[in-house]
Amino acid sequence: MAQYLLSVHNVEGRPMPEPDVLQEMFAAVDAFNADLQASGVWVFAGGLQEADVATVVDGTGSEVVMTDGPFAETKEHLGGFWIVEVPDLDAALALAAKGSKACQDKVEVRPFQVEPPA
């Protein structure tokens, strides 16, 4: 079994869906989450606050430097994610298609690095 990150990215400046559409999306994501949990592939998931509340911490130098805002200077930011454990990429892609339909947005699929045996 392999773990995959299914990530949803928010696009800065994109209008927020109407409240009734937003409620439908929340209900669809809740149902998708329940299906993931029931099928045993769920590892963890979460939605994130807007990128402008992020803090970047740089501890690589002699002093720790903290700056407000997102790390990347971009219009797209991570908005939420699922971590699933499935047999292969095809299974992860199938789940991403369902997640994309539920949240009404594109979903990126990335495998976690495999740790070499100790």
PDB file of N, CA and C in Angstrom:
ATOM      1  N   MET A   1       0.849  -1.184   0.000  1.00  0.00           N
ATOM      2  CA  MET A   1       0.000   0.000   0.000  1.00  0.00           C
ATOM      3  C   MET A   1       0.893   1.245   0.000  1.00  0.00           C
ATOM      4  N   ALA A   2       0.457   2.260  -0.693  1.00  0.00           N
ATOM      5  CA  ALA A   2       1.204   3.511  -0.772  1.00  0.00           C
ATOM      6  C   ALA A   2       0.302   4.663  -0.324  1.00  0.00           C
ATOM      7  N   GLN A   3       0.931   5.698   0.189  1.00  0.00           N
ATOM      8  CA  GLN A   3       0.178   6.885   0.598  1.00  0.00           C
ATOM      9  C   GLN A   3       0.309   7.972  -0.467  1.00  0.00           C
ATOM     10  N   TYR A   4      -0.800   8.660  -0.694  1.00  0.00           N
ATOM     11  CA  TYR A   4      -0.860   9.739  -1.675  1.00  0.00           C
ATOM     12  C   TYR A   4      -1.488  10.971  -1.042  1.00  0.00           C
ATOM     13  N   LEU A   5      -1.002  12.128  -1.460  1.00  0.00           N
ATOM     14  CA  LEU A   5      -1.587  13.404  -1.085  1.00  0.00           C
ATOM     15  C   LEU A   5      -2.503  13.836  -2.217  1.00  0.00           C
ATOM     16  N   LEU A   6      -3.765  14.051  -1.900  1.00  0.00           N
ATOM     17  CA  LEU A   6      -4.729  14.602  -2.851  1.00  0.00           C
ATOM     18  C   LEU A   6      -4.964  16.039  -2.406  1.00  0.00           C
ATOM     19  N   SER A   7      -4.468  17.002  -3.158  1.00  0.00           N
ATOM     20  CA  SER A   7      -4.530  18.384  -2.695  1.00  0.00           C
ATOM     21  C   SER A   7      -5.416  19.248  -3.581  1.00  0.00           C
ATOM     22  N   VAL A   8      -6.100  20.166  -2.929  1.00  0.00           N
ATOM     23  CA  VAL A   8      -6.988  21.120  -3.589  1.00  0.00           C
ATOM     24  C   VAL A   8      -6.345  22.496  -3.446  1.00  0.00           C
ATOM     25  N   HIS A   9      -6.233  23.204  -4.543  1.00  0.00           N
ATOM     26  CA  HIS A   9      -5.595  24.517  -4.525  1.00  0.00           C
ATOM     27  C   HIS A   9      -6.625  25.614  -4.748  1.00  0.00           C
ATOM     28  N   ASN A  10      -6.526  26.654  -3.932  1.00  0.00           N
ATOM     29  CA  ASN A  10      -7.393  27.821  -4.093  1.00  0.00           C
ATOM     30  C   ASN A  10      -6.712  28.814  -5.023  1.00  0.00           C
ATOM     31  N   VAL A  11      -7.499  29.472  -5.847  1.00  0.00           N
ATOM     32  CA  VAL A  11      -6.974  30.489  -6.745  1.00  0.00           C
ATOM     33  C   VAL A  11      -7.393  31.851  -6.206  1.00  0.00           C
ATOM     34  N   GLU A  12      -6.395  32.673  -5.896  1.00  0.00           N
ATOM     35  CA  GLU A  12      -6.639  34.006  -5.346  1.00  0.00           C
ATOM     36  C   GLU A  12      -7.509  34.812  -6.299  1.00  0.00           C
ATOM     37  N   GLY A  13      -8.507  35.479  -5.750  1.00  0.00           N
ATOM     38  CA  GLY A  13      -9.364  36.341  -6.552  1.00  0.00           C
ATOM     39  C   GLY A  13     -10.541  35.640  -7.208  1.00  0.00           C
ATOM     40  N   ARG A  14     -10.582  34.319  -7.144  1.00  0.00           N
ATOM     41  CA  ARG A  14     -11.724  33.600  -7.718  1.00  0.00           C
ATOM     42  C   ARG A  14     -12.928  33.851  -6.823  1.00  0.00           C
ATOM     43  N   PRO A  15     -14.069  34.191  -7.407  1.00  0.00           N
ATOM     44  CA  PRO A  15     -15.240  34.472  -6.563  1.00  0.00           C
ATOM     45  C   PRO A  15     -15.698  33.254  -5.776  1.00  0.00           C
ATOM     46  N   MET A  16     -16.154  33.511  -4.563  1.00  0.00           N
ATOM     47  CA  MET A  16     -16.672  32.454  -3.688  1.00  0.00           C
ATOM     48  C   MET A  16     -18.012  31.981  -4.253  1.00  0.00           C
ATOM     49  N   PRO A  17     -18.268  30.661  -4.221  1.00  0.00           N
ATOM     50  CA  PRO A  17     -19.568  30.164  -4.691  1.00  0.00           C
ATOM     51  C   PRO A  17     -20.714  30.751  -3.846  1.00  0.00           C
ATOM     52  N   GLU A  18     -21.883  30.778  -4.419  1.00  0.00           N
ATOM     53  CA  GLU A  18     -23.075  31.218  -3.706  1.00  0.00           C
ATOM     54  C   GLU A  18     -23.287  30.321  -2.486  1.00  0.00           C
ATOM     55  N   PRO A  19     -23.908  30.834  -1.420  1.00  0.00           N
ATOM     56  CA  PRO A  19     -24.082  30.055  -0.185  1.00  0.00           C
ATOM     57  C   PRO A  19     -24.740  28.692  -0.391  1.00  0.00           C
ATOM     58  N   ASP A  20     -25.740  28.603  -1.243  1.00  0.00           N
ATOM     59  CA  ASP A  20     -26.399  27.312  -1.448  1.00  0.00           C
ATOM     60  C   ASP A  20     -25.472  26.322  -2.157  1.00  0.00           C
ATOM     61  N   VAL A  21     -24.660  26.801  -3.087  1.00  0.00           N
ATOM     62  CA  VAL A  21     -23.689  25.948  -3.776  1.00  0.00           C
ATOM     63  C   VAL A  21     -22.596  25.520  -2.793  1.00  0.00           C
ATOM     64  N   LEU A  22     -22.176  26.433  -1.944  1.00  0.00           N
ATOM     65  CA  LEU A  22     -21.166  26.136  -0.935  1.00  0.00           C
ATOM     66  C   LEU A  22     -21.652  25.036   0.018  1.00  0.00           C
ATOM     67  N   GLN A  23     -22.909  25.111   0.421  1.00  0.00           N
ATOM     68  CA  GLN A  23     -23.471  24.085   1.309  1.00  0.00           C
ATOM     69  C   GLN A  23     -23.525  22.723   0.620  1.00  0.00           C
ATOM     70  N   GLU A  24     -23.847  22.716  -0.676  1.00  0.00           N
ATOM     71  CA  GLU A  24     -23.848  21.463  -1.440  1.00  0.00           C
ATOM     72  C   GLU A  24     -22.442  20.873  -1.498  1.00  0.00           C
ATOM     73  N   MET A  25     -21.437  21.743  -1.702  1.00  0.00           N
ATOM     74  CA  MET A  25     -20.049  21.293  -1.742  1.00  0.00           C
ATOM     75  C   MET A  25     -19.635  20.693  -0.402  1.00  0.00           C
ATOM     76  N   PHE A  26     -19.975  21.379   0.701  1.00  0.00           N
ATOM     77  CA  PHE A  26     -19.633  20.876   2.030  1.00  0.00           C
ATOM     78  C   PHE A  26     -20.264  19.505   2.262  1.00  0.00           C
ATOM     79  N   ALA A  27     -21.523  19.356   1.877  1.00  0.00           N
ATOM     80  CA  ALA A  27     -22.217  18.078   2.063  1.00  0.00           C
ATOM     81  C   ALA A  27     -21.566  16.989   1.209  1.00  0.00           C
ATOM     82  N   ALA A  28     -21.197  17.318  -0.026  1.00  0.00           N
ATOM     83  CA  ALA A  28     -20.569  16.336  -0.912  1.00  0.00           C
ATOM     84  C   ALA A  28     -19.198  15.923  -0.384  1.00  0.00           C
ATOM     85  N   VAL A  29     -18.426  16.879   0.139  1.00  0.00           N
ATOM     86  CA  VAL A  29     -17.110  16.559   0.709  1.00  0.00           C
ATOM     87  C   VAL A  29     -17.274  15.714   1.968  1.00  0.00           C
ATOM     88  N   ASP A  30     -18.254  16.046   2.796  1.00  0.00           N
ATOM     89  CA  ASP A  30     -18.519  15.232   3.993  1.00  0.00           C
ATOM     90  C   ASP A  30     -18.841  13.787   3.602  1.00  0.00           C
ATOM     91  N   ALA A  31     -19.657  13.608   2.571  1.00  0.00           N
ATOM     92  CA  ALA A  31     -20.017  12.258   2.105  1.00  0.00           C
ATOM     93  C   ALA A  31     -18.782  11.541   1.546  1.00  0.00           C
ATOM     94  N   PHE A  32     -17.955  12.272   0.797  1.00  0.00           N
ATOM     95  CA  PHE A  32     -16.717  11.694   0.258  1.00  0.00           C
ATOM     96  C   PHE A  32     -15.799  11.258   1.400  1.00  0.00           C
ATOM     97  N   ASN A  33     -15.647  12.120   2.411  1.00  0.00           N
ATOM     98  CA  ASN A  33     -14.826  11.776   3.575  1.00  0.00           C
ATOM     99  C   ASN A  33     -15.344  10.519   4.270  1.00  0.00           C
ATOM    100  N   ALA A  34     -16.654  10.427   4.424  1.00  0.00           N
ATOM    101  CA  ALA A  34     -17.252   9.251   5.068  1.00  0.00           C
ATOM    102  C   ALA A  34     -16.970   7.991   4.255  1.00  0.00           C
ATOM    103  N   ASP A  35     -17.037   8.099   2.923  1.00  0.00           N
ATOM    104  CA  ASP A  35     -16.737   6.955   2.059  1.00  0.00           C
ATOM    105  C   ASP A  35     -15.270   6.527   2.205  1.00  0.00           C
ATOM    106  N   LEU A  36     -14.360   7.510   2.261  1.00  0.00           N
ATOM    107  CA  LEU A  36     -12.939   7.193   2.434  1.00  0.00           C
ATOM    108  C   LEU A  36     -12.716   6.455   3.758  1.00  0.00           C
ATOM    109  N   GLN A  37     -13.357   6.952   4.802  1.00  0.00           N
ATOM    110  CA  GLN A  37     -13.201   6.334   6.115  1.00  0.00           C
ATOM    111  C   GLN A  37     -13.784   4.928   6.129  1.00  0.00           C
ATOM    112  N   ALA A  38     -14.963   4.771   5.556  1.00  0.00           N
ATOM    113  CA  ALA A  38     -15.627   3.465   5.548  1.00  0.00           C
ATOM    114  C   ALA A  38     -14.848   2.433   4.737  1.00  0.00           C
ATOM    115  N   SER A  39     -14.169   2.886   3.694  1.00  0.00           N
ATOM    116  CA  SER A  39     -13.422   1.955   2.842  1.00  0.00           C
ATOM    117  C   SER A  39     -12.036   1.628   3.391  1.00  0.00           C
ATOM    118  N   GLY A  40     -11.623   2.339   4.455  1.00  0.00           N
ATOM    119  CA  GLY A  40     -10.350   2.047   5.090  1.00  0.00           C
ATOM    120  C   GLY A  40      -9.137   2.685   4.445  1.00  0.00           C
ATOM    121  N   VAL A  41      -9.321   3.614   3.496  1.00  0.00           N
ATOM    122  CA  VAL A  41      -8.174   4.252   2.837  1.00  0.00           C
ATOM    123  C   VAL A  41      -7.828   5.610   3.446  1.00  0.00           C
ATOM    124  N   TRP A  42      -8.701   6.113   4.291  1.00  0.00           N
ATOM    125  CA  TRP A  42      -8.513   7.415   4.929  1.00  0.00           C
ATOM    126  C   TRP A  42      -7.311   7.385   5.865  1.00  0.00           C
ATOM    127  N   VAL A  43      -6.408   8.337   5.746  1.00  0.00           N
ATOM    128  CA  VAL A  43      -5.335   8.522   6.711  1.00  0.00           C
ATOM    129  C   VAL A  43      -5.572   9.817   7.466  1.00  0.00           C
ATOM    130  N   PHE A  44      -5.786  10.908   6.719  1.00  0.00           N
ATOM    131  CA  PHE A  44      -5.997  12.215   7.336  1.00  0.00           C
ATOM    132  C   PHE A  44      -6.484  13.167   6.256  1.00  0.00           C
ATOM    133  N   ALA A  45      -7.216  14.195   6.661  1.00  0.00           N
ATOM    134  CA  ALA A  45      -7.647  15.227   5.721  1.00  0.00           C
ATOM    135  C   ALA A  45      -7.871  16.519   6.484  1.00  0.00           C
ATOM    136  N   GLY A  46      -7.858  17.622   5.756  1.00  0.00           N
ATOM    137  CA  GLY A  46      -8.137  18.897   6.401  1.00  0.00           C
ATOM    138  C   GLY A  46      -8.253  20.021   5.397  1.00  0.00           C
ATOM    139  N   GLY A  47      -9.020  21.011   5.788  1.00  0.00           N
ATOM    140  CA  GLY A  47      -9.110  22.245   5.026  1.00  0.00           C
ATOM    141  C   GLY A  47      -8.252  23.291   5.719  1.00  0.00           C
ATOM    142  N   LEU A  48      -7.694  24.185   4.947  1.00  0.00           N
ATOM    143  CA  LEU A  48      -6.794  25.199   5.493  1.00  0.00           C
ATOM    144  C   LEU A  48      -7.411  26.589   5.409  1.00  0.00           C
ATOM    145  N   GLN A  49      -7.010  27.454   6.330  1.00  0.00           N
ATOM    146  CA  GLN A  49      -7.421  28.847   6.259  1.00  0.00           C
ATOM    147  C   GLN A  49      -6.700  29.509   5.085  1.00  0.00           C
ATOM    148  N   GLU A  50      -7.105  30.727   4.775  1.00  0.00           N
ATOM    149  CA  GLU A  50      -6.515  31.456   3.655  1.00  0.00           C
ATOM    150  C   GLU A  50      -5.005  31.598   3.836  1.00  0.00           C
ATOM    151  N   ALA A  51      -4.277  31.666   2.737  1.00  0.00           N
ATOM    152  CA  ALA A  51      -2.813  31.716   2.768  1.00  0.00           C
ATOM    153  C   ALA A  51      -2.269  32.980   3.427  1.00  0.00           C
ATOM    154  N   ASP A  52      -3.049  34.049   3.451  1.00  0.00           N
ATOM    155  CA  ASP A  52      -2.529  35.298   4.026  1.00  0.00           C
ATOM    156  C   ASP A  52      -2.375  35.241   5.542  1.00  0.00           C
ATOM    157  N   VAL A  53      -2.874  34.187   6.199  1.00  0.00           N
ATOM    158  CA  VAL A  53      -2.675  34.042   7.647  1.00  0.00           C
ATOM    159  C   VAL A  53      -1.481  33.130   7.961  1.00  0.00           C
ATOM    160  N   ALA A  54      -0.784  32.671   6.927  1.00  0.00           N
ATOM    161  CA  ALA A  54       0.375  31.793   7.115  1.00  0.00           C
ATOM    162  C   ALA A  54       1.562  32.581   7.674  1.00  0.00           C
ATOM    163  N   THR A  55       2.473  31.853   8.304  1.00  0.00           N
ATOM    164  CA  THR A  55       3.751  32.403   8.753  1.00  0.00           C
ATOM    165  C   THR A  55       4.846  31.480   8.242  1.00  0.00           C
ATOM    166  N   VAL A  56       5.854  32.052   7.622  1.00  0.00           N
ATOM    167  CA  VAL A  56       6.997  31.278   7.135  1.00  0.00           C
ATOM    168  C   VAL A  56       8.103  31.369   8.172  1.00  0.00           C
ATOM    169  N   VAL A  57       8.613  30.229   8.603  1.00  0.00           N
ATOM    170  CA  VAL A  57       9.670  30.155   9.609  1.00  0.00           C
ATOM    171  C   VAL A  57      10.943  29.646   8.931  1.00  0.00           C
ATOM    172  N   ASP A  58      12.012  30.438   9.016  1.00  0.00           N
ATOM    173  CA  ASP A  58      13.298  30.066   8.429  1.00  0.00           C
ATOM    174  C   ASP A  58      14.322  29.906   9.546  1.00  0.00           C
ATOM    175  N   GLY A  59      14.619  28.667   9.888  1.00  0.00           N
ATOM    176  CA  GLY A  59      15.589  28.378  10.928  1.00  0.00           C
ATOM    177  C   GLY A  59      16.911  27.905  10.365  1.00  0.00           C
ATOM    178  N   THR A  60      17.196  28.238   9.117  1.00  0.00           N
ATOM    179  CA  THR A  60      18.400  27.727   8.467  1.00  0.00           C
ATOM    180  C   THR A  60      19.653  28.528   8.801  1.00  0.00           C
ATOM    181  N   GLY A  61      19.493  29.738   9.305  1.00  0.00           N
ATOM    182  CA  GLY A  61      20.651  30.573   9.628  1.00  0.00           C
ATOM    183  C   GLY A  61      20.949  30.558  11.115  1.00  0.00           C
ATOM    184  N   SER A  62      21.742  31.524  11.549  1.00  0.00           N
ATOM    185  CA  SER A  62      22.103  31.588  12.966  1.00  0.00           C
ATOM    186  C   SER A  62      20.945  32.082  13.825  1.00  0.00           C
ATOM    187  N   GLU A  63      20.002  32.784  13.224  1.00  0.00           N
ATOM    188  CA  GLU A  63      18.798  33.236  13.929  1.00  0.00           C
ATOM    189  C   GLU A  63      17.562  32.785  13.160  1.00  0.00           C
ATOM    190  N   VAL A  64      16.490  32.539  13.897  1.00  0.00           N
ATOM    191  CA  VAL A  64      15.223  32.175  13.265  1.00  0.00           C
ATOM    192  C   VAL A  64      14.557  33.450  12.752  1.00  0.00           C
ATOM    193  N   VAL A  65      14.134  33.428  11.494  1.00  0.00           N
ATOM    194  CA  VAL A  65      13.459  34.564  10.881  1.00  0.00           C
ATOM    195  C   VAL A  65      12.040  34.131  10.550  1.00  0.00           C
ATOM    196  N   MET A  66      11.065  34.953  10.965  1.00  0.00           N
ATOM    197  CA  MET A  66       9.657  34.666  10.679  1.00  0.00           C
ATOM    198  C   MET A  66       9.077  35.801   9.857  1.00  0.00           C
ATOM    199  N   THR A  67       8.359  35.435   8.794  1.00  0.00           N
ATOM    200  CA  THR A  67       7.706  36.434   7.956  1.00  0.00           C
ATOM    201  C   THR A  67       6.237  36.071   7.791  1.00  0.00           C
ATOM    202  N   ASP A  68       5.405  37.083   7.722  1.00  0.00           N
ATOM    203  CA  ASP A  68       3.965  36.880   7.538  1.00  0.00           C
ATOM    204  C   ASP A  68       3.664  36.552   6.090  1.00  0.00           C
ATOM    205  N   GLY A  69       2.604  35.801   5.912  1.00  0.00           N
ATOM    206  CA  GLY A  69       2.132  35.493   4.576  1.00  0.00           C
ATOM    207  C   GLY A  69       2.659  34.175   4.059  1.00  0.00           C
ATOM    208  N   PRO A  70       2.186  33.784   2.895  1.00  0.00           N
ATOM    209  CA  PRO A  70       2.566  32.485   2.336  1.00  0.00           C
ATOM    210  C   PRO A  70       4.022  32.473   1.882  1.00  0.00           C
ATOM    211  N   PHE A  71       4.589  31.287   1.810  1.00  0.00           N
ATOM    212  CA  PHE A  71       5.957  31.099   1.340  1.00  0.00           C
ATOM    213  C   PHE A  71       6.074  31.494  -0.127  1.00  0.00           C
ATOM    214  N   ALA A  72       5.168  30.982  -0.945  1.00  0.00           N
ATOM    215  CA  ALA A  72       5.237  31.210  -2.393  1.00  0.00           C
ATOM    216  C   ALA A  72       4.513  32.490  -2.782  1.00  0.00           C
ATOM    217  N   GLU A  73       5.138  33.267  -3.629  1.00  0.00           N
ATOM    218  CA  GLU A  73       4.510  34.463  -4.201  1.00  0.00           C
ATOM    219  C   GLU A  73       3.745  34.005  -5.445  1.00  0.00           C
ATOM    220  N   THR A  74       2.530  33.567  -5.227  1.00  0.00           N
ATOM    221  CA  THR A  74       1.730  33.007  -6.308  1.00  0.00           C
ATOM    222  C   THR A  74       0.265  33.301  -6.073  1.00  0.00           C
ATOM    223  N   LYS A  75      -0.553  33.094  -7.076  1.00  0.00           N
ATOM    224  CA  LYS A  75      -1.994  33.306  -6.957  1.00  0.00           C
ATOM    225  C   LYS A  75      -2.718  32.032  -6.539  1.00  0.00           C
ATOM    226  N   GLU A  76      -2.012  30.911  -6.514  1.00  0.00           N
ATOM    227  CA  GLU A  76      -2.618  29.641  -6.119  1.00  0.00           C
ATOM    228  C   GLU A  76      -1.969  29.152  -4.833  1.00  0.00           C
ATOM    229  N   HIS A  77      -2.807  28.706  -3.899  1.00  0.00           N
ATOM    230  CA  HIS A  77      -2.328  28.233  -2.613  1.00  0.00           C
ATOM    231  C   HIS A  77      -3.077  26.969  -2.228  1.00  0.00           C
ATOM    232  N   LEU A  78      -2.420  26.138  -1.437  1.00  0.00           N
ATOM    233  CA  LEU A  78      -3.056  24.928  -0.948  1.00  0.00           C
ATOM    234  C   LEU A  78      -4.242  25.295  -0.068  1.00  0.00           C
ATOM    235  N   GLY A  79      -5.394  24.754  -0.390  1.00  0.00           N
ATOM    236  CA  GLY A  79      -6.606  25.071   0.355  1.00  0.00           C
ATOM    237  C   GLY A  79      -7.095  23.933   1.231  1.00  0.00           C
ATOM    238  N   GLY A  80      -6.738  22.724   0.868  1.00  0.00           N
ATOM    239  CA  GLY A  80      -7.147  21.562   1.638  1.00  0.00           C
ATOM    240  C   GLY A  80      -6.555  20.313   1.027  1.00  0.00           C
ATOM    241  N   PHE A  81      -6.711  19.190   1.725  1.00  0.00           N
ATOM    242  CA  PHE A  81      -6.060  17.973   1.252  1.00  0.00           C
ATOM    243  C   PHE A  81      -6.669  16.734   1.895  1.00  0.00           C
ATOM    244  N   TRP A  82      -6.395  15.621   1.256  1.00  0.00           N
ATOM    245  CA  TRP A  82      -6.652  14.299   1.816  1.00  0.00           C
ATOM    246  C   TRP A  82      -5.358  13.515   1.723  1.00  0.00           C
ATOM    247  N   ILE A  83      -5.088  12.685   2.695  1.00  0.00           N
ATOM    248  CA  ILE A  83      -4.012  11.702   2.602  1.00  0.00           C
ATOM    249  C   ILE A  83      -4.697  10.347   2.639  1.00  0.00           C
ATOM    250  N   VAL A  84      -4.434   9.560   1.603  1.00  0.00           N
ATOM    251  CA  VAL A  84      -5.063   8.248   1.491  1.00  0.00           C
ATOM    252  C   VAL A  84      -3.984   7.181   1.348  1.00  0.00           C
ATOM    253  N   GLU A  85      -4.330   5.972   1.736  1.00  0.00           N
ATOM    254  CA  GLU A  85      -3.429   4.835   1.572  1.00  0.00           C
ATOM    255  C   GLU A  85      -4.141   3.806   0.709  1.00  0.00           C
ATOM    256  N   VAL A  86      -3.616   3.619  -0.495  1.00  0.00           N
ATOM    257  CA  VAL A  86      -4.261   2.768  -1.500  1.00  0.00           C
ATOM    258  C   VAL A  86      -3.209   1.885  -2.171  1.00  0.00           C
ATOM    259  N   PRO A  87      -3.649   0.867  -2.903  1.00  0.00           N
ATOM    260  CA  PRO A  87      -2.697  -0.060  -3.520  1.00  0.00           C
ATOM    261  C   PRO A  87      -1.779   0.566  -4.566  1.00  0.00           C
ATOM    262  N   ASP A  88      -2.307   1.551  -5.343  1.00  0.00           N
ATOM    263  CA  ASP A  88      -1.494   2.069  -6.446  1.00  0.00           C
ATOM    264  C   ASP A  88      -2.015   3.425  -6.925  1.00  0.00           C
ATOM    265  N   LEU A  89      -1.294   3.993  -7.893  1.00  0.00           N
ATOM    266  CA  LEU A  89      -1.644   5.301  -8.437  1.00  0.00           C
ATOM    267  C   LEU A  89      -3.036   5.305  -9.050  1.00  0.00           C
ATOM    268  N   ASP A  90      -3.402   4.248  -9.740  1.00  0.00           N
ATOM    269  CA  ASP A  90      -4.731   4.203 -10.359  1.00  0.00           C
ATOM    270  C   ASP A  90      -5.835   4.372  -9.316  1.00  0.00           C
ATOM    271  N   ALA A  91      -5.678   3.732  -8.166  1.00  0.00           N
ATOM    272  CA  ALA A  91      -6.676   3.861  -7.099  1.00  0.00           C
ATOM    273  C   ALA A  91      -6.696   5.296  -6.564  1.00  0.00           C
ATOM    274  N   ALA A  92      -5.517   5.911  -6.427  1.00  0.00           N
ATOM    275  CA  ALA A  92      -5.450   7.296  -5.957  1.00  0.00           C
ATOM    276  C   ALA A  92      -6.105   8.242  -6.957  1.00  0.00           C
ATOM    277  N   LEU A  93      -5.885   8.010  -8.241  1.00  0.00           N
ATOM    278  CA  LEU A  93      -6.484   8.852  -9.281  1.00  0.00           C
ATOM    279  C   LEU A  93      -8.007   8.719  -9.293  1.00  0.00           C
ATOM    280  N   ALA A  94      -8.495   7.521  -9.066  1.00  0.00           N
ATOM    281  CA  ALA A  94      -9.944   7.306  -9.013  1.00  0.00           C
ATOM    282  C   ALA A  94     -10.556   8.064  -7.839  1.00  0.00           C
ATOM    283  N   LEU A  95      -9.869   8.034  -6.695  1.00  0.00           N
ATOM    284  CA  LEU A  95     -10.364   8.787  -5.533  1.00  0.00           C
ATOM    285  C   LEU A  95     -10.287  10.285  -5.789  1.00  0.00           C
ATOM    286  N   ALA A  96      -9.228  10.737  -6.435  1.00  0.00           N
ATOM    287  CA  ALA A  96      -9.087  12.165  -6.739  1.00  0.00           C
ATOM    288  C   ALA A  96     -10.225  12.646  -7.635  1.00  0.00           C
ATOM    289  N   ALA A  97     -10.650  11.810  -8.562  1.00  0.00           N
ATOM    290  CA  ALA A  97     -11.769  12.182  -9.432  1.00  0.00           C
ATOM    291  C   ALA A  97     -13.041  12.379  -8.607  1.00  0.00           C
ATOM    292  N   LYS A  98     -13.261  11.505  -7.639  1.00  0.00           N
ATOM    293  CA  LYS A  98     -14.435  11.643  -6.766  1.00  0.00           C
ATOM    294  C   LYS A  98     -14.306  12.862  -5.864  1.00  0.00           C
ATOM    295  N   GLY A  99     -13.097  13.101  -5.333  1.00  0.00           N
ATOM    296  CA  GLY A  99     -12.873  14.276  -4.498  1.00  0.00           C
ATOM    297  C   GLY A  99     -13.044  15.564  -5.275  1.00  0.00           C
ATOM    298  N   SER A 100     -12.574  15.577  -6.513  1.00  0.00           N
ATOM    299  CA  SER A 100     -12.717  16.748  -7.375  1.00  0.00           C
ATOM    300  C   SER A 100     -14.182  17.062  -7.632  1.00  0.00           C
ATOM    301  N   LYS A 101     -14.956  16.025  -7.874  1.00  0.00           N
ATOM    302  CA  LYS A 101     -16.396  16.219  -8.094  1.00  0.00           C
ATOM    303  C   LYS A 101     -17.045  16.781  -6.824  1.00  0.00           C
ATOM    304  N   ALA A 102     -16.638  16.243  -5.662  1.00  0.00           N
ATOM    305  CA  ALA A 102     -17.239  16.669  -4.396  1.00  0.00           C
ATOM    306  C   ALA A 102     -16.921  18.134  -4.080  1.00  0.00           C
ATOM    307  N   CYS A 103     -15.659  18.517  -4.228  1.00  0.00           N
ATOM    308  CA  CYS A 103     -15.272  19.892  -3.847  1.00  0.00           C
ATOM    309  C   CYS A 103     -15.385  20.870  -4.999  1.00  0.00           C
ATOM    310  N   GLN A 104     -15.735  20.374  -6.176  1.00  0.00           N
ATOM    311  CA  GLN A 104     -15.924  21.192  -7.372  1.00  0.00           C
ATOM    312  C   GLN A 104     -14.675  22.004  -7.702  1.00  0.00           C
ATOM    313  N   ASP A 105     -13.530  21.316  -7.633  1.00  0.00           N
ATOM    314  CA  ASP A 105     -12.261  21.954  -7.950  1.00  0.00           C
ATOM    315  C   ASP A 105     -11.281  20.882  -8.418  1.00  0.00           C
ATOM    316  N   LYS A 106     -10.169  21.324  -8.964  1.00  0.00           N
ATOM    317  CA  LYS A 106      -9.136  20.388  -9.406  1.00  0.00           C
ATOM    318  C   LYS A 106      -8.418  19.809  -8.196  1.00  0.00           C
ATOM    319  N   VAL A 107      -7.978  18.558  -8.319  1.00  0.00           N
ATOM    320  CA  VAL A 107      -7.256  17.877  -7.248  1.00  0.00           C
ATOM    321  C   VAL A 107      -5.935  17.346  -7.819  1.00  0.00           C
ATOM    322  N   GLU A 108      -4.842  17.708  -7.178  1.00  0.00           N
ATOM    323  CA  GLU A 108      -3.520  17.217  -7.562  1.00  0.00           C
ATOM    324  C   GLU A 108      -3.212  15.947  -6.765  1.00  0.00           C
ATOM    325  N   VAL A 109      -2.618  14.952  -7.422  1.00  0.00           N
ATOM    326  CA  VAL A 109      -2.269  13.688  -6.782  1.00  0.00           C
ATOM    327  C   VAL A 109      -0.747  13.554  -6.771  1.00  0.00           C
ATOM    328  N   ARG A 110      -0.191  13.356  -5.558  1.00  0.00           N
ATOM    329  CA  ARG A 110       1.261  13.160  -5.431  1.00  0.00           C
ATOM    330  C   ARG A 110       1.544  12.039  -4.443  1.00  0.00           C
ATOM    331  N   PRO A 111       2.415  11.114  -4.834  1.00  0.00           N
ATOM    332  CA  PRO A 111       2.788  10.047  -3.917  1.00  0.00           C
ATOM    333  C   PRO A 111       3.769  10.558  -2.869  1.00  0.00           C
ATOM    334  N   PHE A 112       3.721   9.972  -1.686  1.00  0.00           N
ATOM    335  CA  PHE A 112       4.732  10.238  -0.672  1.00  0.00           C
ATOM    336  C   PHE A 112       6.005   9.481  -1.063  1.00  0.00           C
ATOM    337  N   GLN A 113       7.140   9.993  -0.634  1.00  0.00           N
ATOM    338  CA  GLN A 113       8.395   9.287  -0.864  1.00  0.00           C
ATOM    339  C   GLN A 113       8.378   7.987  -0.079  1.00  0.00           C
ATOM    340  N   VAL A 114       8.967   6.966  -0.668  1.00  0.00           N
ATOM    341  CA  VAL A 114       9.062   5.683  -0.003  1.00  0.00           C
ATOM    342  C   VAL A 114      10.390   5.646   0.743  1.00  0.00           C
ATOM    343  N   GLU A 115      10.311   5.350   2.019  1.00  0.00           N
ATOM    344  CA  GLU A 115      11.520   5.278   2.832  1.00  0.00           C
ATOM    345  C   GLU A 115      12.270   3.987   2.531  1.00  0.00           C
ATOM    346  N   PRO A 116      13.594   4.080   2.376  1.00  0.00           N
ATOM    347  CA  PRO A 116      14.354   2.845   2.134  1.00  0.00           C
ATOM    348  C   PRO A 116      14.330   1.969   3.383  1.00  0.00           C
ATOM    349  N   PRO A 117      14.381   0.657   3.203  1.00  0.00           N
ATOM    350  CA  PRO A 117      14.356  -0.249   4.361  1.00  0.00           C
ATOM    351  C   PRO A 117      15.564   0.027   5.261  1.00  0.00           C
ATOM    352  N   ALA A 118      15.349  -0.095   6.558  1.00  0.00           N
ATOM    353  CA  ALA A 118      16.441   0.166   7.530  1.00  0.00           C
ATOM    354  C   ALA A 118      17.406  -0.981   7.597  1.00  0.00           C
TER     355      ALA A 118
END
